[in-house]
Structures are given as structure tokens and as C-alpha cells.
Protein backbone atom coordinates (compact mmCIF):
# COMPACT_ATOMS: atom_id res chain seq x y z
CA MET A 1 -7.80 -22.64 -25.73
CA SER A 2 -4.13 -21.57 -25.59
CA GLY A 3 -5.32 -17.97 -25.90
CA ASP A 4 -7.50 -17.97 -22.73
CA GLY A 5 -5.87 -16.63 -19.55
CA ASP A 6 -6.28 -14.40 -16.52
CA PHE A 7 -6.59 -10.96 -18.02
CA GLY A 8 -8.13 -9.60 -14.45
CA LEU A 9 -11.74 -9.45 -16.06
CA LEU A 10 -12.97 -9.71 -12.52
CA SER A 11 -10.16 -8.04 -10.89
CA PRO A 12 -10.49 -4.58 -12.74
CA VAL A 13 -8.26 -2.62 -9.98
CA SER A 14 -5.23 -4.96 -11.28
CA ALA A 15 -6.45 -5.34 -14.64
CA SER A 16 -3.36 -3.23 -16.22
CA PRO A 17 -0.49 -4.13 -18.43
CA ALA A 18 1.89 -2.52 -15.75
CA VAL A 19 0.73 -4.86 -13.21
CA ALA A 20 0.62 -7.94 -15.73
CA ALA A 21 3.71 -7.35 -16.84
CA LEU A 22 5.47 -7.76 -13.59
CA THR A 23 2.96 -10.31 -11.80
CA SER A 24 1.84 -12.64 -14.76
CA ASP A 25 2.46 -16.28 -15.02
CA ARG A 26 4.96 -15.24 -17.50
CA ALA A 27 6.82 -12.85 -15.04
CA VAL A 28 7.00 -15.96 -12.42
CA VAL A 29 8.68 -17.91 -15.22
CA ALA A 30 10.99 -15.63 -16.11
CA ALA A 31 11.96 -14.81 -12.25
CA ILE A 32 12.35 -18.82 -11.83
CA LEU A 33 14.77 -18.62 -14.81
CA ASP A 34 16.63 -15.63 -13.78
CA VAL A 35 17.13 -17.25 -10.49
CA GLU A 36 18.65 -20.44 -12.53
CA ALA A 37 20.63 -18.12 -14.72
CA ALA A 38 22.11 -16.24 -11.76
CA TRP A 39 22.85 -19.24 -9.78
CA ALA A 40 24.72 -20.82 -13.19
CA SER A 41 26.80 -17.94 -13.08
CA VAL A 42 27.67 -18.25 -9.13
CA LEU A 43 28.57 -21.58 -9.79
CA ASP A 44 30.74 -20.68 -13.13
CA GLU A 45 32.67 -17.84 -11.23
CA ALA A 46 33.47 -20.20 -8.35
CA GLY A 47 34.77 -22.61 -10.91
CA LEU A 48 32.32 -25.62 -9.83
CA VAL A 49 30.87 -26.11 -13.49
CA PRO A 50 32.47 -26.14 -16.51
CA ALA A 51 33.64 -22.75 -17.88
CA GLY A 52 31.18 -20.79 -19.94
CA SER A 53 28.33 -22.96 -18.28
CA ALA A 54 26.37 -19.55 -17.02
CA ALA A 55 26.30 -18.09 -20.68
CA VAL A 56 24.87 -21.12 -22.19
CA VAL A 57 22.21 -21.15 -19.28
CA ALA A 58 21.66 -17.66 -20.01
CA GLN A 59 20.87 -17.92 -23.38
CA ALA A 60 18.55 -20.95 -22.72
CA ALA A 61 16.64 -18.77 -19.96
CA ASP A 62 14.93 -16.99 -22.49
CA ASP A 63 11.02 -16.94 -20.79
CA ASP A 64 9.55 -16.10 -24.31
CA ALA A 65 10.79 -19.79 -25.16
CA PHE A 66 8.76 -21.13 -22.63
CA ASP A 67 4.92 -22.61 -22.72
CA VAL A 68 3.99 -21.26 -19.31
CA ALA A 69 0.65 -22.89 -20.13
CA SER A 70 2.09 -26.34 -20.49
CA ILE A 71 4.28 -25.52 -17.59
CA ALA A 72 1.27 -24.78 -15.54
CA GLU A 73 -0.45 -27.98 -16.40
CA ARG A 74 2.42 -30.24 -15.77
CA ALA A 75 3.17 -28.45 -12.23
CA GLN A 76 0.57 -30.70 -11.09
CA GLY A 77 2.75 -33.86 -11.14
CA GLY A 78 5.15 -32.46 -8.61
CA ALA A 79 2.94 -29.71 -6.94
CA ASN A 80 5.10 -26.75 -8.07
CA PRO A 81 5.94 -25.11 -11.22
CA VAL A 82 9.79 -25.16 -11.11
CA ILE A 83 10.14 -28.84 -11.81
CA PRO A 84 8.33 -28.82 -15.32
CA LEU A 85 10.07 -25.55 -16.16
CA LEU A 86 13.37 -27.17 -15.23
CA ALA A 87 12.84 -30.26 -17.46
CA ASP A 88 12.10 -27.72 -20.24
CA LEU A 89 15.40 -25.60 -19.51
CA ARG A 90 17.50 -28.45 -19.48
CA LEU A 91 16.72 -29.72 -22.56
CA ARG A 92 17.34 -25.83 -24.23
CA VAL A 93 20.62 -25.95 -22.36
CA LYS A 94 21.54 -29.60 -23.85
CA GLU A 95 20.74 -28.62 -27.07
CA LEU A 96 23.19 -25.69 -26.97
CA ASP A 97 25.57 -27.39 -24.81
CA ALA A 98 25.36 -30.45 -22.85
CA SER A 99 28.22 -29.85 -20.93
CA ALA A 100 26.13 -26.61 -19.15
CA MET A 101 23.64 -28.92 -17.82
CA ALA A 102 26.12 -29.33 -14.70
CA ALA A 103 25.31 -25.85 -13.81
CA VAL A 104 21.41 -26.08 -14.03
CA HIS A 105 19.92 -26.62 -10.76
CA THR A 106 22.78 -28.18 -8.82
CA SER A 107 22.73 -28.45 -5.02
CA LEU A 108 19.17 -26.49 -5.20
CA THR A 109 15.86 -27.42 -4.43
CA SER A 110 12.25 -26.17 -5.79
CA GLN A 111 11.62 -24.28 -2.75
CA ASP A 112 15.16 -22.65 -3.18
CA VAL A 113 14.20 -21.61 -6.41
CA LEU A 114 10.54 -20.67 -6.07
CA ASP A 115 11.16 -18.71 -2.85
CA SER A 116 14.02 -16.71 -4.19
CA ALA A 117 11.88 -16.34 -7.71
CA LEU A 118 8.75 -14.66 -5.63
CA MET A 119 10.84 -12.63 -3.71
CA LEU A 120 12.85 -11.31 -6.75
CA LEU A 121 9.39 -10.70 -8.18
CA ALA A 122 8.33 -9.01 -5.02
CA ARG A 123 11.43 -6.85 -5.26
CA ARG A 124 10.45 -5.68 -9.20
CA VAL A 125 6.70 -5.26 -7.97
CA VAL A 126 7.77 -3.15 -4.98
CA SER A 127 10.16 -1.10 -6.67
CA ALA A 128 7.26 0.15 -9.42
CA LEU A 129 4.89 0.28 -6.47
CA LEU A 130 7.25 2.91 -4.75
CA VAL A 131 7.48 5.08 -7.77
CA GLU A 132 3.73 4.99 -7.64
CA VAL A 133 3.31 5.76 -3.80
CA ARG A 134 5.91 8.84 -4.36
CA SER A 135 4.03 10.59 -6.73
CA THR A 136 1.00 10.12 -4.94
CA THR A 137 2.31 11.34 -1.64
CA THR A 138 4.04 14.44 -3.74
CA SER A 139 0.69 15.35 -4.69
CA LEU A 140 -0.92 14.82 -1.42
CA ALA A 141 1.85 16.90 0.32
CA ALA A 142 1.11 19.88 -2.27
CA LEU A 143 -2.69 19.59 -1.56
CA ALA A 144 -1.76 19.76 2.43
CA GLU A 145 0.42 23.07 1.66
CA GLU A 146 -2.26 24.53 -0.50
CA HIS A 147 -4.81 24.01 1.46
CA ALA A 148 -3.30 24.59 5.16
CA GLN A 149 -6.09 27.40 5.66
CA THR A 150 -8.82 25.92 3.63
CA LEU A 151 -12.06 25.53 6.05
CA CYS A 152 -14.03 22.67 6.22
CA VAL A 153 -15.86 20.49 8.96
CA GLY A 154 -14.23 17.81 10.86
CA ARG A 155 -16.80 14.80 11.49
CA SER A 156 -16.70 12.51 14.38
CA LEU A 157 -18.99 9.29 14.06
CA THR A 158 -20.67 10.64 11.04
CA GLN A 159 -21.70 13.91 12.72
CA HIS A 160 -20.27 17.55 12.48
CA ALA A 161 -17.58 17.78 15.43
CA LEU A 162 -15.22 20.56 14.60
CA PRO A 163 -13.71 23.25 12.34
CA TYR A 164 -11.25 21.71 10.45
CA THR A 165 -8.83 22.16 7.58
CA PHE A 166 -8.87 20.32 4.07
CA GLY A 167 -5.03 20.67 4.24
CA LEU A 168 -4.90 18.65 7.70
CA LYS A 169 -6.99 15.96 5.75
CA ALA A 170 -4.57 15.70 3.05
CA ALA A 171 -1.51 15.71 5.27
CA GLN A 172 -3.39 12.78 7.39
CA TRP A 173 -3.80 10.91 3.89
CA PHE A 174 -0.11 11.59 3.25
CA HIS A 175 0.64 10.58 6.90
CA GLY A 176 -0.61 6.94 6.03
CA VAL A 177 0.66 6.60 2.82
CA ALA A 178 4.05 7.62 3.55
CA ALA A 179 4.14 5.59 6.86
CA ALA A 180 3.45 2.38 4.96
CA GLY A 181 5.83 3.26 1.82
CA ARG A 182 8.92 3.68 4.16
CA ARG A 183 7.81 0.23 5.96
CA LEU A 184 7.58 -1.29 2.58
CA GLU A 185 10.88 0.24 1.57
CA SER A 186 12.75 -0.84 4.53
CA LEU A 187 11.89 -4.42 3.99
CA GLN A 188 14.51 -7.06 3.43
CA LEU A 189 13.66 -9.49 0.39
CA PRO A 190 15.75 -12.44 1.23
CA VAL A 191 17.36 -15.20 -1.07
CA GLN A 192 16.69 -18.99 -0.25
CA PHE A 193 19.29 -21.51 -0.27
CA GLY A 194 19.05 -24.51 1.91
CA GLY A 195 19.02 -27.56 -0.35
CA ALA A 196 16.59 -30.63 -0.26
CA GLY A 197 16.28 -30.51 3.37
CA GLY A 198 17.67 -27.38 4.39
CA THR A 199 21.12 -28.50 5.72
CA LEU A 200 23.15 -27.48 2.63
CA ALA A 201 24.36 -30.70 2.42
CA SER A 202 24.60 -31.03 -1.39
CA GLY A 203 26.16 -27.51 -0.96
CA THR A 204 28.87 -28.92 1.07
CA VAL A 205 29.53 -31.69 -1.44
CA LEU A 206 29.65 -29.28 -4.23
CA THR A 207 31.92 -26.86 -2.87
CA GLU A 208 34.47 -29.48 -0.88
CA GLY A 209 38.13 -29.23 -1.91
CA SER A 210 37.39 -25.81 -3.49
CA SER A 211 38.08 -22.06 -2.22
CA SER A 212 34.26 -21.32 -1.89
CA ASN A 213 31.50 -22.75 0.61
CA PRO A 214 27.80 -22.84 0.58
CA PHE A 215 27.23 -19.71 2.53
CA ALA A 216 29.43 -17.81 0.08
CA LEU A 217 27.50 -19.28 -2.83
CA ALA A 218 24.29 -17.96 -1.27
CA ASP A 219 25.64 -14.46 -0.65
CA ASP A 220 26.56 -14.20 -4.21
CA LEU A 221 23.41 -15.54 -5.72
CA ALA A 222 21.80 -12.87 -3.36
CA ALA A 223 24.04 -10.16 -5.20
CA LYS A 224 23.46 -11.29 -8.47
CA LEU A 225 19.45 -11.09 -7.84
CA GLY A 226 19.44 -7.89 -5.96
CA LEU A 227 18.10 -9.74 -2.52
CA ALA A 228 18.98 -9.74 0.95
CA ASP A 229 21.66 -12.38 2.04
CA VAL A 230 20.70 -14.32 5.17
CA PRO A 231 22.87 -15.95 7.93
CA ALA A 232 20.81 -19.25 7.29
CA PRO A 233 18.25 -20.91 5.16
CA TRP A 234 14.45 -19.83 6.03
CA HIS A 235 12.16 -22.78 4.47
CA THR A 236 10.30 -23.05 7.67
CA ASP A 237 10.48 -19.83 8.91
CA ARG A 238 8.06 -17.34 7.11
CA LEU A 239 8.67 -14.07 8.57
CA ALA A 240 10.15 -12.78 5.32
CA VAL A 241 6.86 -13.58 3.73
CA THR A 242 4.47 -12.32 6.30
CA SER A 243 6.24 -9.06 6.65
CA LEU A 244 5.90 -8.45 3.09
CA GLY A 245 2.36 -9.29 3.14
CA ASP A 246 1.76 -7.14 6.25
CA ALA A 247 3.63 -4.26 4.37
CA LEU A 248 1.56 -4.71 1.29
CA ALA A 249 -1.57 -4.82 3.28
CA SER A 250 -0.85 -1.75 5.45
CA LEU A 251 -0.20 0.50 2.40
CA THR A 252 -3.50 -0.79 0.83
CA ASP A 253 -5.18 0.19 4.32
CA SER A 254 -3.82 3.67 3.81
CA PHE A 255 -5.22 3.61 0.18
CA GLY A 256 -8.66 2.63 1.51
CA LYS A 257 -8.74 5.30 3.76
CA ILE A 258 -8.42 7.88 1.21
CA ALA A 259 -10.72 6.09 -1.02
CA VAL A 260 -13.45 5.79 1.63
CA ASP A 261 -13.36 9.66 2.48
CA LEU A 262 -13.41 10.32 -1.31
CA LEU A 263 -16.51 8.52 -1.64
CA PHE A 264 -18.35 10.36 0.93
CA LEU A 265 -16.88 13.74 0.01
CA SER A 266 -17.70 13.29 -3.49
CA ARG A 267 -21.35 12.55 -3.07
CA PRO A 268 -23.45 15.22 -4.70
CA GLU A 269 -25.14 16.20 -1.31
CA VAL A 270 -21.62 16.55 0.14
CA ALA A 271 -19.88 18.07 -3.15
CA GLU A 272 -16.28 18.98 -1.04
CA LEU A 273 -14.22 16.82 -3.71
CA GLY A 274 -14.67 15.26 -7.21
CA GLU A 275 -12.61 12.66 -8.80
CA PRO A 276 -10.39 13.64 -12.07
CA LEU A 277 -12.39 13.49 -15.16
CA ALA A 278 -11.96 11.32 -18.00
CA ALA A 279 -13.62 10.13 -21.41
CA GLY A 280 -15.87 7.16 -20.67
CA ARG A 281 -15.02 7.03 -16.94
CA GLY A 282 -17.65 7.02 -14.02
CA VAL A 283 -20.36 5.66 -16.87
CA SER A 284 -23.34 3.62 -15.76
CA SER A 285 -25.13 1.14 -17.81
CA ALA A 286 -28.39 2.47 -16.88
CA MET A 287 -28.18 6.16 -15.78
CA PRO A 288 -26.52 8.65 -18.40
CA GLN A 289 -26.08 11.48 -15.48
CA LYS A 290 -24.27 9.66 -13.36
CA GLN A 291 -20.51 10.27 -12.79
CA ASN A 292 -19.48 7.36 -10.44
CA PRO A 293 -16.39 7.91 -8.54
CA VAL A 294 -14.76 4.64 -9.75
CA LEU A 295 -11.24 5.36 -9.21
CA SER A 296 -12.12 5.31 -5.34
CA VAL A 297 -14.44 2.45 -5.89
CA LEU A 298 -11.87 0.54 -7.07
CA ILE A 299 -9.05 1.22 -4.65
CA ARG A 300 -11.50 0.66 -1.68
CA SER A 301 -12.04 -2.75 -3.37
CA ALA A 302 -8.61 -3.68 -3.39
CA ALA A 303 -8.29 -2.42 0.50
CA LEU A 304 -10.94 -4.46 1.17
CA GLN A 305 -9.30 -7.80 -0.40
CA ALA A 306 -5.69 -7.40 0.76
CA PRO A 307 -6.10 -8.18 4.80
CA GLY A 308 -7.63 -11.54 4.01
CA LEU A 309 -4.79 -12.30 1.50
CA ALA A 310 -2.45 -11.26 4.26
CA ALA A 311 -4.22 -13.31 6.76
CA GLN A 312 -3.47 -16.42 4.48
CA LEU A 313 -0.01 -15.87 4.61
CA HIS A 314 -0.16 -16.10 8.45
CA LEU A 315 -2.45 -19.09 8.31
CA ALA A 316 0.16 -20.84 6.10
CA ALA A 317 3.31 -19.65 8.07
CA ALA A 318 1.83 -21.11 11.35
CA ASN A 319 1.33 -24.53 9.39
CA PHE A 320 4.88 -25.24 8.03
CA ASN A 321 5.37 -28.50 9.65
CA ASP A 322 8.50 -30.45 9.45
CA GLU A 323 11.64 -29.25 7.61
CA ARG A 324 9.61 -29.04 4.17
CA PRO A 325 5.73 -28.08 4.40
CA ASP A 326 3.03 -29.85 2.48
CA GLY A 327 0.53 -27.78 1.34
CA ALA A 328 1.33 -24.59 3.60
CA TRP A 329 4.09 -23.12 1.42
CA HIS A 330 1.85 -23.81 -1.81
CA SER A 331 -1.19 -21.90 -0.39
CA GLU A 332 1.22 -18.74 0.02
CA TRP A 333 1.88 -18.38 -3.69
CA GLN A 334 -1.58 -16.95 -4.98
CA ALA A 335 -2.04 -15.05 -1.69
CA MET A 336 1.21 -13.14 -2.21
CA ARG A 337 0.82 -12.47 -5.88
CA GLY A 338 -2.67 -11.19 -5.10
CA LEU A 339 -1.19 -8.78 -2.67
CA LEU A 340 1.30 -7.48 -5.05
CA ARG A 341 -1.17 -7.38 -7.82
CA LEU A 342 -3.69 -5.48 -5.83
CA ALA A 343 -1.16 -3.11 -4.15
CA LEU A 344 0.41 -1.90 -7.32
CA GLY A 345 -3.15 -1.56 -9.23
CA ALA A 346 -4.56 0.51 -6.52
CA ALA A 347 -1.50 2.72 -6.36
CA ILE A 348 -1.88 3.27 -9.81
CA GLN A 349 -5.38 4.23 -9.66
CA LEU A 350 -4.81 6.34 -6.49
CA ARG A 351 -1.89 8.38 -8.14
CA GLU A 352 -4.12 9.42 -10.77
CA LEU A 353 -6.60 10.28 -8.19
CA ALA A 354 -4.29 12.17 -6.08
CA GLU A 355 -2.77 14.13 -9.24
CA GLY A 356 -5.89 15.14 -10.27
CA LEU A 357 -8.34 15.60 -7.13
CA ARG A 358 -10.89 18.34 -7.88
CA VAL A 359 -11.22 20.47 -4.34
CA PHE A 360 -14.18 22.82 -4.13
CA PRO A 361 -13.65 25.01 -0.64
CA GLU A 362 -16.68 26.51 -1.40
CA ALA A 363 -18.79 23.34 -0.88
CA MET A 364 -16.79 22.82 2.30
CA ARG A 365 -17.40 26.41 3.80
CA ARG A 366 -21.27 25.68 2.70
CA ASN A 367 -21.18 22.30 4.82
CA LEU A 368 -19.40 24.02 7.38
CA ASP A 369 -21.72 26.64 7.98
CA ILE A 370 -24.46 24.03 8.24
CA SER A 371 -23.94 23.58 11.97
CA GLY A 372 -22.89 27.16 12.23
CA PRO A 373 -21.84 28.39 15.56
CA LEU A 374 -22.67 25.07 17.46
CA LEU A 375 -19.51 23.76 15.89
CA LEU A 376 -17.89 26.03 18.56
CA SER A 377 -19.66 24.62 21.26
CA GLU A 378 -16.49 23.01 22.91
CA ALA A 379 -14.61 26.44 22.53
CA VAL A 380 -17.56 27.89 24.19
CA ALA A 381 -17.67 25.81 26.79
CA SER A 382 -14.12 26.39 27.59
CA SER A 383 -14.31 30.05 27.44
CA LEU A 384 -17.33 30.76 29.05
CA ALA A 385 -17.90 28.49 32.05
CA PRO A 386 -15.47 30.47 34.00
CA LEU A 387 -17.56 33.59 33.35
CA LEU A 388 -20.69 32.29 34.62
CA GLY A 389 -19.96 32.82 38.50
CA ALA A 390 -20.93 29.28 39.17
CA ASP A 391 -18.88 26.40 40.15
CA ARG A 392 -17.56 24.58 36.82
CA GLY A 393 -20.09 21.85 36.71
CA GLU A 394 -22.97 24.27 37.12
CA ALA A 395 -21.48 26.47 34.59
CA LYS A 396 -21.57 23.55 32.17
CA ALA A 397 -24.74 22.14 32.44
CA ARG A 398 -25.73 25.87 31.95
CA LEU A 399 -24.36 25.93 28.56
CA GLN A 400 -25.33 22.14 27.59
CA ALA A 401 -28.70 23.55 28.22
CA VAL A 402 -28.37 26.33 25.67
CA VAL A 403 -27.24 24.01 23.26
CA ASP A 404 -29.92 21.54 23.93
CA GLU A 405 -32.67 24.28 23.34
CA THR A 406 -31.00 25.43 20.18
CA LEU A 407 -31.54 21.96 18.99
CA GLN A 408 -35.36 22.26 19.25
CA ALA A 409 -35.33 24.93 16.38
CA THR A 410 -35.21 24.10 12.77
CA ALA A 411 -31.53 24.06 11.38
CA ALA A 412 -32.15 27.23 9.76
CA GLU A 413 -32.92 29.09 13.09
CA GLN A 414 -30.32 27.57 15.01
CA PRO A 415 -27.30 29.52 14.30
CA ARG A 416 -29.32 32.96 15.55
CA ILE A 417 -30.62 31.49 18.54
CA TYR A 418 -27.57 29.89 19.99
CA THR A 419 -25.70 33.44 19.50
CA LYS A 420 -28.96 34.75 21.41
CA LEU A 421 -28.87 32.55 24.26
CA LEU A 422 -25.42 32.75 24.83
CA ARG A 423 -25.68 36.52 24.83
CA GLU A 424 -28.50 36.35 27.26
CA ALA A 425 -26.35 33.75 29.66
CA VAL A 426 -23.10 35.91 29.26
CA PRO A 427 -23.80 39.72 29.83
CA PRO A 428 -21.81 42.25 27.53
CA SER A 429 -19.94 43.15 30.80
CA LYS A 430 -18.17 40.16 30.86
CA LEU A 431 -17.85 39.33 27.24
CA SER A 432 -18.43 41.98 24.38
CA ASP A 433 -20.56 41.32 21.21
CA GLU A 434 -17.11 41.33 19.21
CA GLU A 435 -15.39 39.14 21.59
CA LEU A 436 -18.43 36.71 21.19
CA THR A 437 -18.39 37.13 17.45
CA ALA A 438 -14.83 36.20 17.51
CA LEU A 439 -15.48 33.15 19.47
CA LEU A 440 -17.96 31.87 17.14
CA GLU A 441 -15.80 32.53 14.17
CA PRO A 442 -14.62 28.80 13.06
CA ALA A 443 -11.17 29.94 11.68
CA ASN A 444 -10.17 30.96 15.09
CA TYR A 445 -10.74 27.62 16.51
CA LEU A 446 -8.31 25.29 14.74
CA GLY A 447 -5.91 24.35 17.23
CA GLU A 448 -2.19 23.22 15.78
CA ALA A 449 -4.20 21.94 12.43
CA VAL A 450 -1.41 24.20 10.21
CA GLU A 451 1.35 22.88 12.51
CA ILE A 452 0.40 19.30 12.70
CA SER A 453 0.34 19.31 8.71
CA ARG A 454 4.05 20.70 8.64
CA ARG A 455 5.21 18.35 11.07
CA ILE A 456 3.69 15.50 9.17
CA LEU A 457 5.48 16.29 5.78
CA ALA A 458 8.80 17.41 7.49
CA ALA A 459 8.61 13.62 9.07
CA TYR A 460 8.77 12.07 5.52
CA PRO A 461 10.95 14.36 3.53
CA GLU A 462 11.64 11.42 0.93
CA PHE A 463 7.89 11.25 0.28
CA SER A 464 6.70 14.71 0.37
CA HIS A 465 9.13 16.29 -2.38
CA PRO A 466 10.06 14.43 -5.61
CA ASN A 467 13.50 14.96 -4.75
CA PRO A 468 13.96 16.03 -1.43
CA LYS A 469 17.53 17.43 -0.45
CA GLY A 470 19.49 15.18 1.70
CA ALA A 471 17.25 12.12 1.13
CA ASP A 472 19.01 9.11 0.04
CA ARG A 473 15.90 6.73 -0.32
CA GLY A 474 15.84 4.76 -3.50
């Protein structure tokens, strides 16, 4: 059935027209054709093929004219899609101008083309991905600033730990995404040109007697494709691929952190945050009352898949035998494209989540108050131990006994009992009632939460505001 294809039915996080446009099989074909057309242009400009060949190849390299399904099926004959696509491209060039066939794939090998095409595909996806990331980080930075003083409870190993601020939580979310985004943005996505065995032998023959050389041709190809030039072919050195995979996986890790926090904080019994509402979103097939946090669910699904795909790239890289590998190279393609799809799909979901996140400070304070003054036990130990007139170890033990006794009471009674026992342990002559009240106020034990948030946002100006003054990152 020619109409059948992979529409992302079982991968809803990446089932987006925006993702498909950049990562579909047709997008791969388009990238391969772009490499071939750019190479023809390089050869034409260097005077190594009949003049005007580049225009003919560019006209023939219209991806809409190619049967992607047929190319995929015929790719089994040569173990890669470049070979059947080239056959079709040569036929189209021949029909237009047979002399221009000299510019098609001359001195290249399939790996040159596909490696360069996948780097080109990655560059296009990364460009779109960073747009989504910047919109997300801008929203997270705004949340951090707006809620710099919004109290909530900090949790450690699932338990209430210390007073915290939602502003700092949002700033830490921002930190993870911005750091991963900066790493991804800094990557060099290189062109590939090495010829059949990585020696540039055919390129040397091609340029013999001309003013050019294979290295200059490779640099020109890189410039035309917007890829990084390289000092040498990298057929079996896959650092460019694994670095891209690691950066994408790190980015989805940062997305996953936000999603897993949202999945907990949006539970009805917690209710500190809520996903943006939209008609038809979050519905259950059996329970009409449910409002499922599906954005977080989809983002987390991507974060759980990405590390395995990055590991596949490393597994392949460690098995690139000889000067051209048998199978390891082929195992990269789906893993790399899968990572690009997941990262971009999740980024689109996260942008919507961050821009429309519903924050409920009252619920945050309600949950903070569950532990009451016990949440200040660390502050109490530091402040009151010197007032007990005993050595520090004994003083801490006495204060721990106060906590232990308090915990025997019901949750509702614990705040009153803890305050009463502390009052009995330290007389008013050493600690006034006003001082005790201040000691047990959560807002007075936030440490440097506000300053930490400020420092995080200041460290990534290109991600904290849409158009930061002085930022020059693209």
C-alpha cells in the first residue's frame, strides 16, 4: 500500500508535522540531494566539470520528483539509500543534459554523502530545536523571577526537607535546559569527504592539473552546506556522531527532570502545579473526570528513550572496523534520527507546558505547613544547641529527642507539641518568644535561594531573555 508510512502512531511525542518535515524519509532524501547538488556546484565553480552542470543537477535534485518508498526498497541491494537515489538522479540529469552527469557524485562515496546529509539534517533539526529551547527557557526564567519569594517545600528522598522557593525550582529547571542547550549549540557538525577508502585518491586524480585540491573542495562543500570543515576524513572516527547523540540525550534528560517533577506536583493530593488546559487534552477513555498531565507524560517518554539511542551510537562507534565498517555505520542512522525526533518533539511539548504552566502558591504553602515547624529542625539545631549549656554532641542529642517525641504525636498535633517542647528546652531568658517564632518561620530559612536563582539566570543570558543585550549566539 503506497500510502502507508511511519506517521508516529506509536510515538506520539514526535508525531508532529514540524518534526516530520525535518526528519521524515523525504527529509533524508532531500538532504542527500542537497549534498549532491552542493557538490556539483563545488565542482562547477572549480572548473572540474562542464560549465552549467550545477544548475542542471540542482534542477534534477527536486525531492518531490523521487519515489521515496521505491528508494527505500531498492536500498537493500546496496545496503544504503544513496545508491538507488543516485541511479534515479542520474536518469533525471541525463534527460536534462547528459554532459552534466559528470558532476553527479564524482569522487564521492556513499558514506561521504550520507554522513554529510545526516549532519545537514541534524543541523536543520538542531536549529529548530534551539528555537523551542529558547522559548522554553525564557518562560522558565520568567517563572523563576516571578516566584523568587514563593514558598514551597523542598523534598529530599521523597520526604519534606527544608523550606524552598518555587522560583529556585524553576531556575534549576532553567539551568538544566540552558546548559544542555548551550552544549548542543556549540557542536561542530562536520562535512564528510574521503572517497572510497578515506584517502581522497579519486579527488587527487580529479584535481590534478587544476588550481584546486581535494581539501579545498571539501571546505567549499562544507561552506555551501553550512557544515563545519574538517582537517581530514572521519569515516571511522565517530566522535561527531556520538557528541551529537550525547548532547541530544542530555537535553532530553533536562526535559525529563521537569516532566517528572510536574507529574508529581500535579497530582490531586499535591496540586502545586497544573499543565495548561486545552480542549480534548488529558482525556481518559474510561474516566471522564480525569485530567491527565499528558504533556509531561510525552516528554518523560522521550527522556526515557533517548539514553538507549545515544548508547547505540557509542556501541556503533566502538565497532567501526577497518577503513569502512560493515554494519556499525548502518546501525547509526535510525538511532541518530530517533534522537533528533524525540528531542524536537519533546521540546515542542515542553515549550507549550512552560508557557502555560499553572502555579498554585496556596497549595504550595498548604503542603509546606504539613510539616510545620519541624521543617526548621536543621535551623533549630544550629541556633539552639549553643544555648543548651552542654557540649555540642549532647545538645544535638537533646534536640533530636525533642523531634523524636514530637513525631509520636499525630500530624495535626506536631506543630504545637514541637513548639512547646522547644520552649521547655530553652528558657525565655536565653530565647524570647519572638525569637522562637522567628526561628520557626520558613521564610527566614531560605539561605541563598534568591541569589542562586539570580546567578543561574545571569549565567545564561542568551537563554534567559528573548533578545539579551550583548548576546551573539544564534
